[in-house]
Amino acid sequence: MKQCLLISVLMAWLASSMAFASSISEQELGEVLIESRKQLYQDPPEQNYTRLIAFGLDTRYGVFVRSWLYFEIDMATQQLSRQVENEHAKARHEILLKLRRQIDLE
């Protein structure tokens, strides 16, 4: 009984991972990064980054997404060091740190 359950769970996981793998591409990752950057630099920054998080959790694209996040965090940190009272930069910095935690802790 347990073996049947284990096999069915593994089959479902395999099917879902194959469906996800075939539905994404490097071009889509680039589009997600561009869209996420647009959202970050809006006033006020938007909070919906589910596609970016999905790419960040994928082992094939996670390193690239993390590198992009670290670069954006560094830029926001530099801007905050020059403009301490910039609320937009503070909000962007907080969002980026939250995104990094969500991806790193999953």
N, C-alpha and C. Protein backbone atom coordinates (compact mmCIF):
# COMPACT_ATOMS: atom_id res chain seq x y z
N MET A 1 0.83 -1.19 0.00
CA MET A 1 0.00 0.00 0.00
C MET A 1 0.88 1.26 0.00
N LYS A 2 1.90 1.26 0.86
CA LYS A 2 2.78 2.42 0.93
C LYS A 2 3.58 2.57 -0.35
N GLN A 3 3.94 1.45 -0.96
CA GLN A 3 4.70 1.51 -2.20
C GLN A 3 3.87 2.12 -3.32
N CYS A 4 2.59 1.77 -3.38
CA CYS A 4 1.70 2.34 -4.40
C CYS A 4 1.57 3.85 -4.20
N LEU A 5 1.42 4.26 -2.97
CA LEU A 5 1.30 5.68 -2.67
C LEU A 5 2.59 6.41 -3.04
N LEU A 6 3.72 5.85 -2.69
CA LEU A 6 5.00 6.46 -3.02
C LEU A 6 5.19 6.55 -4.53
N ILE A 7 4.85 5.50 -5.24
CA ILE A 7 5.00 5.51 -6.70
C ILE A 7 4.07 6.54 -7.33
N SER A 8 2.85 6.64 -6.84
CA SER A 8 1.92 7.61 -7.42
C SER A 8 2.36 9.04 -7.14
N VAL A 9 2.91 9.29 -5.95
CA VAL A 9 3.41 10.63 -5.64
C VAL A 9 4.61 10.96 -6.52
N LEU A 10 5.51 10.02 -6.70
CA LEU A 10 6.67 10.24 -7.56
C LEU A 10 6.27 10.48 -9.01
N MET A 11 5.28 9.75 -9.47
CA MET A 11 4.80 9.93 -10.85
C MET A 11 4.19 11.33 -11.02
N ALA A 12 3.40 11.75 -10.04
CA ALA A 12 2.78 13.08 -10.11
C ALA A 12 3.84 14.17 -10.09
N TRP A 13 4.85 13.99 -9.23
CA TRP A 13 5.94 14.98 -9.15
C TRP A 13 6.71 15.03 -10.47
N LEU A 14 7.00 13.88 -11.03
CA LEU A 14 7.73 13.82 -12.29
C LEU A 14 6.94 14.49 -13.42
N ALA A 15 5.65 14.22 -13.47
CA ALA A 15 4.82 14.81 -14.52
C ALA A 15 4.77 16.33 -14.38
N SER A 16 4.63 16.83 -13.15
CA SER A 16 4.56 18.28 -12.96
C SER A 16 5.90 18.94 -13.26
N SER A 17 7.00 18.30 -12.88
CA SER A 17 8.31 18.90 -13.16
C SER A 17 8.61 18.90 -14.65
N MET A 18 8.19 17.86 -15.35
CA MET A 18 8.39 17.82 -16.79
C MET A 18 7.54 18.87 -17.49
N ALA A 19 6.33 19.09 -17.00
CA ALA A 19 5.47 20.11 -17.59
C ALA A 19 6.06 21.49 -17.37
N PHE A 20 6.60 21.74 -16.17
CA PHE A 20 7.20 23.03 -15.89
C PHE A 20 8.47 23.22 -16.71
N ALA A 21 9.27 22.17 -16.82
CA ALA A 21 10.53 22.26 -17.56
C ALA A 21 10.30 22.56 -19.03
N SER A 22 9.27 22.00 -19.60
CA SER A 22 9.03 22.23 -21.02
C SER A 22 8.35 23.56 -21.28
N SER A 23 7.82 24.21 -20.24
CA SER A 23 7.07 25.43 -20.46
C SER A 23 7.89 26.69 -20.24
N ILE A 24 9.14 26.58 -19.78
CA ILE A 24 9.94 27.76 -19.54
C ILE A 24 11.18 27.75 -20.42
N SER A 25 11.74 28.91 -20.60
CA SER A 25 12.94 29.02 -21.42
C SER A 25 13.78 30.19 -20.92
N GLU A 26 14.96 30.30 -21.46
CA GLU A 26 15.84 31.40 -21.10
C GLU A 26 15.24 32.73 -21.51
N GLN A 27 14.56 32.75 -22.63
CA GLN A 27 13.93 33.99 -23.09
C GLN A 27 12.85 34.43 -22.10
N GLU A 28 12.08 33.47 -21.62
CA GLU A 28 11.04 33.81 -20.65
C GLU A 28 11.67 34.33 -19.36
N LEU A 29 12.80 33.76 -18.95
CA LEU A 29 13.51 34.26 -17.77
C LEU A 29 13.91 35.71 -17.98
N GLY A 30 14.44 36.03 -19.15
CA GLY A 30 14.80 37.42 -19.44
C GLY A 30 13.61 38.35 -19.38
N GLU A 31 12.48 37.89 -19.91
CA GLU A 31 11.26 38.70 -19.87
C GLU A 31 10.80 38.92 -18.43
N VAL A 32 10.92 37.88 -17.60
CA VAL A 32 10.52 37.99 -16.20
C VAL A 32 11.43 38.98 -15.47
N LEU A 33 12.73 38.93 -15.75
CA LEU A 33 13.66 39.86 -15.10
C LEU A 33 13.38 41.30 -15.52
N ILE A 34 13.11 41.51 -16.79
CA ILE A 34 12.79 42.86 -17.27
C ILE A 34 11.50 43.36 -16.62
N GLU A 35 10.48 42.52 -16.59
CA GLU A 35 9.20 42.91 -15.98
C GLU A 35 9.37 43.18 -14.49
N SER A 36 10.15 42.36 -13.81
CA SER A 36 10.38 42.56 -12.38
C SER A 36 11.10 43.87 -12.11
N ARG A 37 12.05 44.19 -12.97
CA ARG A 37 12.79 45.46 -12.80
C ARG A 37 11.85 46.64 -13.03
N LYS A 38 10.96 46.53 -14.01
CA LYS A 38 9.98 47.60 -14.23
C LYS A 38 9.10 47.78 -13.00
N GLN A 39 8.67 46.66 -12.41
CA GLN A 39 7.83 46.73 -11.21
C GLN A 39 8.59 47.36 -10.05
N LEU A 40 9.86 47.04 -9.91
CA LEU A 40 10.66 47.59 -8.82
C LEU A 40 10.81 49.10 -8.90
N TYR A 41 10.95 49.61 -10.12
CA TYR A 41 11.22 51.03 -10.29
C TYR A 41 9.97 51.87 -10.50
N GLN A 42 8.80 51.26 -10.36
CA GLN A 42 7.57 52.04 -10.37
C GLN A 42 7.44 52.76 -9.04
N ASP A 43 6.61 53.78 -9.00
CA ASP A 43 6.38 54.49 -7.74
C ASP A 43 4.92 54.39 -7.37
N PRO A 44 4.54 53.65 -6.38
CA PRO A 44 5.34 52.79 -5.50
C PRO A 44 5.62 51.44 -6.18
N PRO A 45 6.66 50.75 -5.73
CA PRO A 45 7.00 49.45 -6.33
C PRO A 45 5.88 48.43 -6.13
N GLU A 46 5.64 47.62 -7.15
CA GLU A 46 4.62 46.58 -7.03
C GLU A 46 5.16 45.42 -6.19
N GLN A 47 4.26 44.58 -5.71
CA GLN A 47 4.65 43.51 -4.80
C GLN A 47 4.44 42.11 -5.38
N ASN A 48 4.07 41.97 -6.64
CA ASN A 48 3.78 40.66 -7.20
C ASN A 48 4.98 40.14 -8.00
N TYR A 49 5.72 39.20 -7.39
CA TYR A 49 6.91 38.67 -8.03
C TYR A 49 6.87 37.14 -8.06
N THR A 50 5.70 36.56 -8.24
CA THR A 50 5.56 35.10 -8.17
C THR A 50 6.34 34.39 -9.28
N ARG A 51 6.36 34.96 -10.48
CA ARG A 51 7.10 34.31 -11.58
C ARG A 51 8.60 34.37 -11.32
N LEU A 52 9.08 35.49 -10.79
CA LEU A 52 10.50 35.61 -10.46
C LEU A 52 10.88 34.60 -9.38
N ILE A 53 10.05 34.44 -8.38
CA ILE A 53 10.31 33.48 -7.31
C ILE A 53 10.32 32.06 -7.87
N ALA A 54 9.41 31.77 -8.80
CA ALA A 54 9.38 30.43 -9.40
C ALA A 54 10.69 30.14 -10.15
N PHE A 55 11.19 31.11 -10.88
CA PHE A 55 12.47 30.92 -11.56
C PHE A 55 13.61 30.80 -10.55
N GLY A 56 13.54 31.57 -9.48
CA GLY A 56 14.58 31.52 -8.46
C GLY A 56 14.64 30.18 -7.75
N LEU A 57 13.51 29.50 -7.65
CA LEU A 57 13.46 28.20 -6.98
C LEU A 57 13.83 27.05 -7.92
N ASP A 58 13.84 27.31 -9.23
CA ASP A 58 14.22 26.29 -10.21
C ASP A 58 15.74 26.18 -10.21
N THR A 59 16.25 24.96 -10.05
CA THR A 59 17.70 24.77 -9.95
C THR A 59 18.44 25.19 -11.21
N ARG A 60 17.78 25.19 -12.35
CA ARG A 60 18.44 25.58 -13.59
C ARG A 60 18.66 27.09 -13.69
N TYR A 61 17.76 27.87 -13.10
CA TYR A 61 17.81 29.32 -13.25
C TYR A 61 18.06 30.05 -11.93
N GLY A 62 18.09 29.32 -10.83
CA GLY A 62 18.21 29.95 -9.51
C GLY A 62 19.46 30.77 -9.33
N VAL A 63 20.59 30.30 -9.83
CA VAL A 63 21.85 31.03 -9.67
C VAL A 63 21.78 32.37 -10.40
N PHE A 64 21.21 32.36 -11.57
CA PHE A 64 21.09 33.60 -12.35
C PHE A 64 20.18 34.59 -11.64
N VAL A 65 19.04 34.12 -11.13
CA VAL A 65 18.10 35.00 -10.44
C VAL A 65 18.74 35.55 -9.16
N ARG A 66 19.43 34.71 -8.42
CA ARG A 66 20.10 35.18 -7.20
C ARG A 66 21.16 36.24 -7.52
N SER A 67 21.92 36.02 -8.60
CA SER A 67 22.93 37.01 -9.01
C SER A 67 22.27 38.34 -9.36
N TRP A 68 21.17 38.27 -10.07
CA TRP A 68 20.43 39.48 -10.43
C TRP A 68 19.94 40.19 -9.17
N LEU A 69 19.41 39.41 -8.21
CA LEU A 69 18.92 40.00 -6.97
C LEU A 69 20.06 40.68 -6.20
N TYR A 70 21.20 40.02 -6.08
CA TYR A 70 22.33 40.61 -5.36
C TYR A 70 22.80 41.90 -6.03
N PHE A 71 22.81 41.93 -7.36
CA PHE A 71 23.19 43.14 -8.08
C PHE A 71 22.21 44.26 -7.78
N GLU A 72 20.91 43.97 -7.84
CA GLU A 72 19.88 44.99 -7.57
C GLU A 72 19.94 45.45 -6.11
N ILE A 73 20.19 44.53 -5.19
CA ILE A 73 20.31 44.90 -3.77
C ILE A 73 21.51 45.83 -3.58
N ASP A 74 22.61 45.52 -4.24
CA ASP A 74 23.81 46.36 -4.14
C ASP A 74 23.54 47.76 -4.68
N MET A 75 22.83 47.84 -5.79
CA MET A 75 22.50 49.16 -6.36
C MET A 75 21.60 49.95 -5.42
N ALA A 76 20.60 49.27 -4.83
CA ALA A 76 19.69 49.95 -3.90
C ALA A 76 20.44 50.39 -2.64
N THR A 77 21.36 49.57 -2.16
CA THR A 77 22.14 49.91 -0.98
C THR A 77 23.01 51.14 -1.25
N GLN A 78 23.64 51.19 -2.41
CA GLN A 78 24.45 52.35 -2.77
C GLN A 78 23.61 53.61 -2.86
N GLN A 79 22.41 53.48 -3.44
CA GLN A 79 21.54 54.65 -3.55
C GLN A 79 21.11 55.12 -2.17
N LEU A 80 20.82 54.18 -1.26
CA LEU A 80 20.42 54.56 0.09
C LEU A 80 21.57 55.21 0.86
N SER A 81 22.80 54.80 0.58
CA SER A 81 23.93 55.41 1.28
C SER A 81 24.12 56.88 0.87
N ARG A 82 23.69 57.22 -0.35
CA ARG A 82 23.79 58.60 -0.81
C ARG A 82 22.54 59.41 -0.51
N GLN A 83 21.38 58.74 -0.53
CA GLN A 83 20.11 59.43 -0.33
C GLN A 83 19.34 58.70 0.77
N VAL A 84 19.66 58.99 2.00
CA VAL A 84 19.11 58.26 3.15
C VAL A 84 17.60 58.42 3.25
N GLU A 85 17.08 59.54 2.85
CA GLU A 85 15.64 59.81 3.01
C GLU A 85 14.80 59.38 1.81
N ASN A 86 15.36 58.70 0.85
CA ASN A 86 14.64 58.29 -0.36
C ASN A 86 13.72 57.11 -0.03
N GLU A 87 12.44 57.38 0.09
CA GLU A 87 11.46 56.35 0.47
C GLU A 87 11.30 55.29 -0.61
N HIS A 88 11.40 55.70 -1.85
CA HIS A 88 11.27 54.75 -2.97
C HIS A 88 12.42 53.74 -2.94
N ALA A 89 13.62 54.22 -2.69
CA ALA A 89 14.78 53.33 -2.62
C ALA A 89 14.67 52.40 -1.41
N LYS A 90 14.15 52.91 -0.30
CA LYS A 90 13.95 52.06 0.89
C LYS A 90 12.96 50.95 0.60
N ALA A 91 11.86 51.30 -0.05
CA ALA A 91 10.84 50.29 -0.38
C ALA A 91 11.41 49.25 -1.34
N ARG A 92 12.17 49.70 -2.35
CA ARG A 92 12.78 48.78 -3.30
C ARG A 92 13.78 47.86 -2.60
N HIS A 93 14.57 48.40 -1.69
CA HIS A 93 15.56 47.62 -0.95
C HIS A 93 14.86 46.56 -0.09
N GLU A 94 13.79 46.92 0.57
CA GLU A 94 13.04 45.97 1.40
C GLU A 94 12.44 44.85 0.56
N ILE A 95 11.88 45.19 -0.60
CA ILE A 95 11.30 44.19 -1.49
C ILE A 95 12.38 43.21 -1.95
N LEU A 96 13.53 43.74 -2.34
CA LEU A 96 14.62 42.88 -2.82
C LEU A 96 15.12 41.94 -1.73
N LEU A 97 15.25 42.44 -0.51
CA LEU A 97 15.69 41.58 0.59
C LEU A 97 14.65 40.50 0.88
N LYS A 98 13.39 40.88 0.79
CA LYS A 98 12.31 39.90 1.00
C LYS A 98 12.33 38.82 -0.08
N LEU A 99 12.55 39.22 -1.33
CA LEU A 99 12.63 38.26 -2.42
C LEU A 99 13.81 37.32 -2.24
N ARG A 100 14.95 37.86 -1.83
CA ARG A 100 16.13 37.01 -1.61
C ARG A 100 15.86 35.99 -0.51
N ARG A 101 15.21 36.42 0.57
CA ARG A 101 14.88 35.48 1.65
C ARG A 101 13.91 34.41 1.17
N GLN A 102 12.91 34.81 0.39
CA GLN A 102 11.94 33.82 -0.10
C GLN A 102 12.60 32.77 -0.97
N ILE A 103 13.53 33.19 -1.81
CA ILE A 103 14.19 32.23 -2.70
C ILE A 103 15.21 31.40 -1.95
N ASP A 104 16.00 32.03 -1.08
CA ASP A 104 17.04 31.29 -0.37
C ASP A 104 16.50 30.33 0.67
N LEU A 105 15.37 30.64 1.26
CA LEU A 105 14.85 29.80 2.34
C LEU A 105 13.92 28.70 1.86
N GLU A 106 13.55 28.69 0.60
CA GLU A 106 12.65 27.65 0.09
C GLU A 106 13.38 26.37 -0.14
